[in-house]
């Protein structure tokens, strides 16, 4: 019987590579390339990514639609994709996080994205406010001008007193029961306001 050559067992951990018995750390896979765009840097994908889990689009309230983001960072892409078989035996790519079938086009603006959009708050500042006996007192003309400007956007009214800023919501100042008008001033109870 011939002698069996000596065998060496090499254990390779996740993330390592080996050539023969030599273990090494392979270079990280390059998934994006970068390009200067306007005043910033934008990253573009070099491989397939999940459009549902990636942050490549944002809701634009001015145009009331979803639009591609101007600058996308490499961390905004989700590249964890695997392959699966459908019922017909066809192999297809899918996201490992959400299960999205990458054969389909993803439509931005579905209900789940709309719910994530934070409603933009508008604020209108009113000057010359003061505190008096449990009320914030505003000059009548300043209040009327602020309300005219704020009403269409349902904006909050802001006042500043003693280096503190206070906010009054549209539902509060649009209710006439909350407003007391006398001597060319508007009186609104302090308890109606919240600190901004």
C-alpha atoms as a PDB file:
ATOM      1  CA  UNK A   1       0.000   0.000   0.000  1.00  0.00           C
ATOM      2  CA  UNK A   2       1.217   3.424  -0.882  1.00  0.00           C
ATOM      3  CA  UNK A   3       1.566   6.056   1.776  1.00  0.00           C
ATOM      4  CA  UNK A   4      -1.274   8.543   1.834  1.00  0.00           C
ATOM      5  CA  UNK A   5      -0.059  12.162   1.544  1.00  0.00           C
ATOM      6  CA  UNK A   6      -0.494  14.303   4.625  1.00  0.00           C
ATOM      7  CA  UNK A   7      -3.752  16.275   4.552  1.00  0.00           C
ATOM      8  CA  UNK A   8      -4.193  19.714   6.069  1.00  0.00           C
ATOM      9  CA  UNK A   9      -7.639  21.014   6.921  1.00  0.00           C
ATOM     10  CA  UNK A  10      -8.071  24.767   6.600  1.00  0.00           C
ATOM     11  CA  UNK A  11     -11.047  26.482   8.215  1.00  0.00           C
ATOM     12  CA  UNK A  12     -12.315  29.484   6.304  1.00  0.00           C
ATOM     13  CA  UNK A  13     -14.583  31.904   8.144  1.00  0.00           C
ATOM     14  CA  UNK A  14     -17.336  33.968   6.569  1.00  0.00           C
ATOM     15  CA  UNK A  15     -15.821  36.913   4.731  1.00  0.00           C
ATOM     16  CA  UNK A  16     -12.433  35.234   4.230  1.00  0.00           C
ATOM     17  CA  UNK A  17     -10.916  33.689   1.117  1.00  0.00           C
ATOM     18  CA  UNK A  18      -8.243  31.048   0.589  1.00  0.00           C
ATOM     19  CA  UNK A  19      -5.666  30.062  -2.009  1.00  0.00           C
ATOM     20  CA  UNK A  20      -4.425  26.642  -1.055  1.00  0.00           C
ATOM     21  CA  UNK A  21      -3.633  26.900   2.637  1.00  0.00           C
ATOM     22  CA  UNK A  22      -3.193  30.696   2.586  1.00  0.00           C
ATOM     23  CA  UNK A  23      -6.160  32.597   4.054  1.00  0.00           C
ATOM     24  CA  UNK A  24      -6.740  36.173   2.933  1.00  0.00           C
ATOM     25  CA  UNK A  25      -9.435  38.852   3.133  1.00  0.00           C
ATOM     26  CA  UNK A  26     -10.815  39.552  -0.337  1.00  0.00           C
ATOM     27  CA  UNK A  27     -11.382  43.108  -1.483  1.00  0.00           C
ATOM     28  CA  UNK A  28     -14.880  44.387  -0.826  1.00  0.00           C
ATOM     29  CA  UNK A  29     -17.129  44.143  -3.854  1.00  0.00           C
ATOM     30  CA  UNK A  30     -17.590  47.509  -5.547  1.00  0.00           C
ATOM     31  CA  UNK A  31     -21.337  48.032  -5.945  1.00  0.00           C
ATOM     32  CA  UNK A  32     -21.484  51.727  -6.881  1.00  0.00           C
ATOM     33  CA  UNK A  33     -19.501  54.396  -8.666  1.00  0.00           C
ATOM     34  CA  UNK A  34     -19.508  58.048  -7.756  1.00  0.00           C
ATOM     35  CA  UNK A  35     -19.912  61.120  -9.886  1.00  0.00           C
ATOM     36  CA  UNK A  36     -19.918  64.810  -9.033  1.00  0.00           C
ATOM     37  CA  UNK A  37     -23.345  66.310  -9.612  1.00  0.00           C
ATOM     38  CA  UNK A  38     -23.931  70.008  -9.057  1.00  0.00           C
ATOM     39  CA  UNK A  39     -22.553  70.900  -5.639  1.00  0.00           C
ATOM     40  CA  UNK A  40     -22.429  67.330  -4.312  1.00  0.00           C
ATOM     41  CA  UNK A  41     -21.535  63.727  -5.000  1.00  0.00           C
ATOM     42  CA  UNK A  42     -24.025  61.172  -6.319  1.00  0.00           C
ATOM     43  CA  UNK A  43     -23.544  57.401  -6.303  1.00  0.00           C
ATOM     44  CA  UNK A  44     -24.865  55.178  -9.099  1.00  0.00           C
ATOM     45  CA  UNK A  45     -25.377  51.383  -8.894  1.00  0.00           C
ATOM     46  CA  UNK A  46     -23.174  48.913 -10.770  1.00  0.00           C
ATOM     47  CA  UNK A  47     -25.429  45.955 -10.044  1.00  0.00           C
ATOM     48  CA  UNK A  48     -29.031  45.049  -9.234  1.00  0.00           C
ATOM     49  CA  UNK A  49     -30.606  46.638  -6.134  1.00  0.00           C
ATOM     50  CA  UNK A  50     -34.054  46.556  -4.547  1.00  0.00           C
ATOM     51  CA  UNK A  51     -35.990  49.683  -5.606  1.00  0.00           C
ATOM     52  CA  UNK A  52     -38.476  49.238  -2.764  1.00  0.00           C
ATOM     53  CA  UNK A  53     -35.904  49.109   0.065  1.00  0.00           C
ATOM     54  CA  UNK A  54     -33.550  51.682  -1.466  1.00  0.00           C
ATOM     55  CA  UNK A  55     -33.942  55.403  -0.835  1.00  0.00           C
ATOM     56  CA  UNK A  56     -33.643  56.658  -4.419  1.00  0.00           C
ATOM     57  CA  UNK A  57     -36.876  58.678  -4.633  1.00  0.00           C
ATOM     58  CA  UNK A  58     -38.590  61.243  -2.433  1.00  0.00           C
ATOM     59  CA  UNK A  59     -41.978  62.896  -2.351  1.00  0.00           C
ATOM     60  CA  UNK A  60     -41.930  66.443  -3.692  1.00  0.00           C
ATOM     61  CA  UNK A  61     -44.804  68.404  -2.082  1.00  0.00           C
ATOM     62  CA  UNK A  62     -44.403  71.247  -4.585  1.00  0.00           C
ATOM     63  CA  UNK A  63     -45.235  68.977  -7.535  1.00  0.00           C
ATOM     64  CA  UNK A  64     -47.254  66.457  -5.453  1.00  0.00           C
ATOM     65  CA  UNK A  65     -45.393  63.476  -6.883  1.00  0.00           C
ATOM     66  CA  UNK A  66     -42.470  61.122  -6.246  1.00  0.00           C
ATOM     67  CA  UNK A  67     -39.233  62.145  -7.951  1.00  0.00           C
ATOM     68  CA  UNK A  68     -35.683  60.752  -8.055  1.00  0.00           C
ATOM     69  CA  UNK A  69     -33.495  62.245  -5.328  1.00  0.00           C
ATOM     70  CA  UNK A  70     -30.891  64.673  -6.623  1.00  0.00           C
ATOM     71  CA  UNK A  71     -28.010  63.203  -4.584  1.00  0.00           C
ATOM     72  CA  UNK A  72     -27.980  59.523  -3.614  1.00  0.00           C
ATOM     73  CA  UNK A  73     -25.406  58.111  -1.196  1.00  0.00           C
ATOM     74  CA  UNK A  74     -24.074  54.560  -1.522  1.00  0.00           C
ATOM     75  CA  UNK A  75     -25.805  53.613   1.753  1.00  0.00           C
ATOM     76  CA  UNK A  76     -29.159  54.539   0.177  1.00  0.00           C
ATOM     77  CA  UNK A  77     -29.086  51.411  -2.013  1.00  0.00           C
ATOM     78  CA  UNK A  78     -30.105  47.964  -0.762  1.00  0.00           C
ATOM     79  CA  UNK A  79     -28.109  45.288  -2.633  1.00  0.00           C
ATOM     80  CA  UNK A  80     -29.025  42.122  -0.691  1.00  0.00           C
ATOM     81  CA  UNK A  81     -30.593  40.182  -3.581  1.00  0.00           C
ATOM     82  CA  UNK A  82     -30.955  36.416  -4.049  1.00  0.00           C
ATOM     83  CA  UNK A  83     -32.556  34.128  -6.614  1.00  0.00           C
ATOM     84  CA  UNK A  84     -35.699  32.060  -6.171  1.00  0.00           C
ATOM     85  CA  UNK A  85     -37.927  29.846  -8.318  1.00  0.00           C
ATOM     86  CA  UNK A  86     -41.511  30.763  -9.056  1.00  0.00           C
ATOM     87  CA  UNK A  87     -44.348  28.246  -9.440  1.00  0.00           C
ATOM     88  CA  UNK A  88     -43.547  27.852 -13.149  1.00  0.00           C
ATOM     89  CA  UNK A  89     -39.935  26.920 -12.366  1.00  0.00           C
ATOM     90  CA  UNK A  90     -38.512  30.221 -13.630  1.00  0.00           C
ATOM     91  CA  UNK A  91     -35.559  31.609 -11.651  1.00  0.00           C
ATOM     92  CA  UNK A  92     -35.915  35.274 -10.715  1.00  0.00           C
ATOM     93  CA  UNK A  93     -34.134  37.847  -8.500  1.00  0.00           C
ATOM     94  CA  UNK A  94     -35.832  38.978  -5.308  1.00  0.00           C
ATOM     95  CA  UNK A  95     -35.001  41.183  -2.348  1.00  0.00           C
ATOM     96  CA  UNK A  96     -33.909  39.319   0.787  1.00  0.00           C
ATOM     97  CA  UNK A  97     -35.414  42.005   3.011  1.00  0.00           C
ATOM     98  CA  UNK A  98     -38.912  42.636   1.617  1.00  0.00           C
ATOM     99  CA  UNK A  99     -39.293  39.812  -0.932  1.00  0.00           C
ATOM    100  CA  UNK A 100     -39.908  42.205  -3.844  1.00  0.00           C
ATOM    101  CA  UNK A 101     -39.827  40.440  -7.251  1.00  0.00           C
ATOM    102  CA  UNK A 102     -37.285  42.389  -9.321  1.00  0.00           C
ATOM    103  CA  UNK A 103     -38.906  41.300 -12.593  1.00  0.00           C
ATOM    104  CA  UNK A 104     -41.633  43.835 -11.812  1.00  0.00           C
ATOM    105  CA  UNK A 105     -41.363  47.601 -12.135  1.00  0.00           C
ATOM    106  CA  UNK A 106     -41.681  49.307  -8.782  1.00  0.00           C
ATOM    107  CA  UNK A 107     -44.150  52.203  -8.701  1.00  0.00           C
ATOM    108  CA  UNK A 108     -43.144  54.887  -6.220  1.00  0.00           C
ATOM    109  CA  UNK A 109     -46.006  56.483  -4.396  1.00  0.00           C
ATOM    110  CA  UNK A 110     -47.828  53.385  -3.171  1.00  0.00           C
ATOM    111  CA  UNK A 111     -49.818  53.787   0.010  1.00  0.00           C
ATOM    112  CA  UNK A 112     -46.986  52.633   2.287  1.00  0.00           C
ATOM    113  CA  UNK A 113     -44.695  55.368   0.958  1.00  0.00           C
ATOM    114  CA  UNK A 114     -47.377  58.028   1.184  1.00  0.00           C
ATOM    115  CA  UNK A 115     -47.816  57.164   4.858  1.00  0.00           C
ATOM    116  CA  UNK A 116     -44.068  57.657   5.399  1.00  0.00           C
ATOM    117  CA  UNK A 117     -44.127  61.182   3.974  1.00  0.00           C
ATOM    118  CA  UNK A 118     -43.997  63.705   6.751  1.00  0.00           C
ATOM    119  CA  UNK A 119     -46.426  66.494   6.094  1.00  0.00           C
ATOM    120  CA  UNK A 120     -44.548  69.700   5.586  1.00  0.00           C
ATOM    121  CA  UNK A 121     -45.344  72.265   8.245  1.00  0.00           C
ATOM    122  CA  UNK A 122     -45.516  75.922   7.373  1.00  0.00           C
ATOM    123  CA  UNK A 123     -44.949  78.664   9.914  1.00  0.00           C
ATOM    124  CA  UNK A 124     -45.790  82.358   9.812  1.00  0.00           C
ATOM    125  CA  UNK A 125     -44.144  84.633  12.368  1.00  0.00           C
ATOM    126  CA  UNK A 126     -46.048  87.477  13.980  1.00  0.00           C
ATOM    127  CA  UNK A 127     -44.076  90.267  15.602  1.00  0.00           C
ATOM    128  CA  UNK A 128     -44.811  92.529  18.599  1.00  0.00           C
ATOM    129  CA  UNK A 129     -46.487  89.850  20.722  1.00  0.00           C
ATOM    130  CA  UNK A 130     -46.547  90.165  24.505  1.00  0.00           C
ATOM    131  CA  UNK A 131     -47.805  88.246  27.537  1.00  0.00           C
ATOM    132  CA  UNK A 132     -50.556  89.741  29.697  1.00  0.00           C
ATOM    133  CA  UNK A 133     -52.643  88.096  32.463  1.00  0.00           C
ATOM    134  CA  UNK A 134     -52.674  84.554  31.005  1.00  0.00           C
ATOM    135  CA  UNK A 135     -53.030  85.710  27.372  1.00  0.00           C
ATOM    136  CA  UNK A 136     -50.667  86.296  24.501  1.00  0.00           C
ATOM    137  CA  UNK A 137     -51.577  89.655  23.024  1.00  0.00           C
ATOM    138  CA  UNK A 138     -50.985  90.408  19.346  1.00  0.00           C
ATOM    139  CA  UNK A 139     -51.538  93.657  17.430  1.00  0.00           C
ATOM    140  CA  UNK A 140     -54.757  93.300  15.382  1.00  0.00           C
ATOM    141  CA  UNK A 141     -53.148  94.279  12.046  1.00  0.00           C
ATOM    142  CA  UNK A 142     -50.185  91.904  12.514  1.00  0.00           C
ATOM    143  CA  UNK A 143     -52.585  89.071  13.399  1.00  0.00           C
ATOM    144  CA  UNK A 144     -54.829  89.742  10.369  1.00  0.00           C
ATOM    145  CA  UNK A 145     -51.834  89.900   8.014  1.00  0.00           C
ATOM    146  CA  UNK A 146     -50.383  86.675   9.457  1.00  0.00           C
ATOM    147  CA  UNK A 147     -53.701  84.819   9.221  1.00  0.00           C
ATOM    148  CA  UNK A 148     -54.234  85.924   5.593  1.00  0.00           C
ATOM    149  CA  UNK A 149     -50.799  84.586   4.708  1.00  0.00           C
ATOM    150  CA  UNK A 150     -51.095  81.399   6.777  1.00  0.00           C
ATOM    151  CA  UNK A 151     -54.700  80.404   6.092  1.00  0.00           C
ATOM    152  CA  UNK A 152     -54.278  78.881   2.596  1.00  0.00           C
ATOM    153  CA  UNK A 153     -51.432  76.604   3.747  1.00  0.00           C
ATOM    154  CA  UNK A 154     -53.004  75.980   7.153  1.00  0.00           C
ATOM    155  CA  UNK A 155     -49.715  77.177   8.608  1.00  0.00           C
ATOM    156  CA  UNK A 156     -48.881  77.544  12.286  1.00  0.00           C
ATOM    157  CA  UNK A 157     -48.501  81.006  13.757  1.00  0.00           C
ATOM    158  CA  UNK A 158     -45.256  81.680  15.616  1.00  0.00           C
ATOM    159  CA  UNK A 159     -44.497  84.348  18.184  1.00  0.00           C
ATOM    160  CA  UNK A 160     -41.395  85.030  20.233  1.00  0.00           C
ATOM    161  CA  UNK A 161     -41.573  86.250  23.817  1.00  0.00           C
ATOM    162  CA  UNK A 162     -38.573  86.503  26.186  1.00  0.00           C
ATOM    163  CA  UNK A 163     -36.366  84.384  23.885  1.00  0.00           C
ATOM    164  CA  UNK A 164     -38.948  81.584  23.760  1.00  0.00           C
ATOM    165  CA  UNK A 165     -40.911  80.678  20.645  1.00  0.00           C
ATOM    166  CA  UNK A 166     -44.553  79.597  20.800  1.00  0.00           C
ATOM    167  CA  UNK A 167     -46.657  77.933  18.136  1.00  0.00           C
ATOM    168  CA  UNK A 168     -50.411  78.136  17.493  1.00  0.00           C
ATOM    169  CA  UNK A 169     -52.004  75.565  15.189  1.00  0.00           C
ATOM    170  CA  UNK A 170     -54.391  76.373  12.355  1.00  0.00           C
ATOM    171  CA  UNK A 171     -57.321  74.550  13.999  1.00  0.00           C
ATOM    172  CA  UNK A 172     -56.965  76.810  17.041  1.00  0.00           C
ATOM    173  CA  UNK A 173     -56.714  80.233  15.405  1.00  0.00           C
ATOM    174  CA  UNK A 174     -59.343  79.420  12.752  1.00  0.00           C
ATOM    175  CA  UNK A 175     -61.888  78.849  15.551  1.00  0.00           C
ATOM    176  CA  UNK A 176     -63.494  82.245  16.410  1.00  0.00           C
ATOM    177  CA  UNK A 177     -64.339  81.020  19.931  1.00  0.00           C
ATOM    178  CA  UNK A 178     -60.619  81.128  20.794  1.00  0.00           C
ATOM    179  CA  UNK A 179     -60.153  84.759  19.735  1.00  0.00           C
ATOM    180  CA  UNK A 180     -60.868  87.805  21.866  1.00  0.00           C
ATOM    181  CA  UNK A 181     -60.566  91.140  20.080  1.00  0.00           C
ATOM    182  CA  UNK A 182     -60.390  94.461  21.938  1.00  0.00           C
ATOM    183  CA  UNK A 183     -58.537  97.776  21.656  1.00  0.00           C
ATOM    184  CA  UNK A 184     -56.950  96.871  18.282  1.00  0.00           C
ATOM    185  CA  UNK A 185     -55.372  93.737  19.801  1.00  0.00           C
ATOM    186  CA  UNK A 186     -56.087  90.011  19.655  1.00  0.00           C
ATOM    187  CA  UNK A 187     -56.034  88.048  22.911  1.00  0.00           C
ATOM    188  CA  UNK A 188     -55.361  84.292  22.770  1.00  0.00           C
ATOM    189  CA  UNK A 189     -55.145  82.237  25.980  1.00  0.00           C
ATOM    190  CA  UNK A 190     -51.583  81.101  26.772  1.00  0.00           C
ATOM    191  CA  UNK A 191     -52.857  77.508  27.168  1.00  0.00           C
ATOM    192  CA  UNK A 192     -53.762  77.387  23.445  1.00  0.00           C
ATOM    193  CA  UNK A 193     -50.096  77.745  22.450  1.00  0.00           C
ATOM    194  CA  UNK A 194     -47.339  75.151  22.569  1.00  0.00           C
ATOM    195  CA  UNK A 195     -43.627  75.804  22.831  1.00  0.00           C
ATOM    196  CA  UNK A 196     -41.906  75.410  19.446  1.00  0.00           C
END
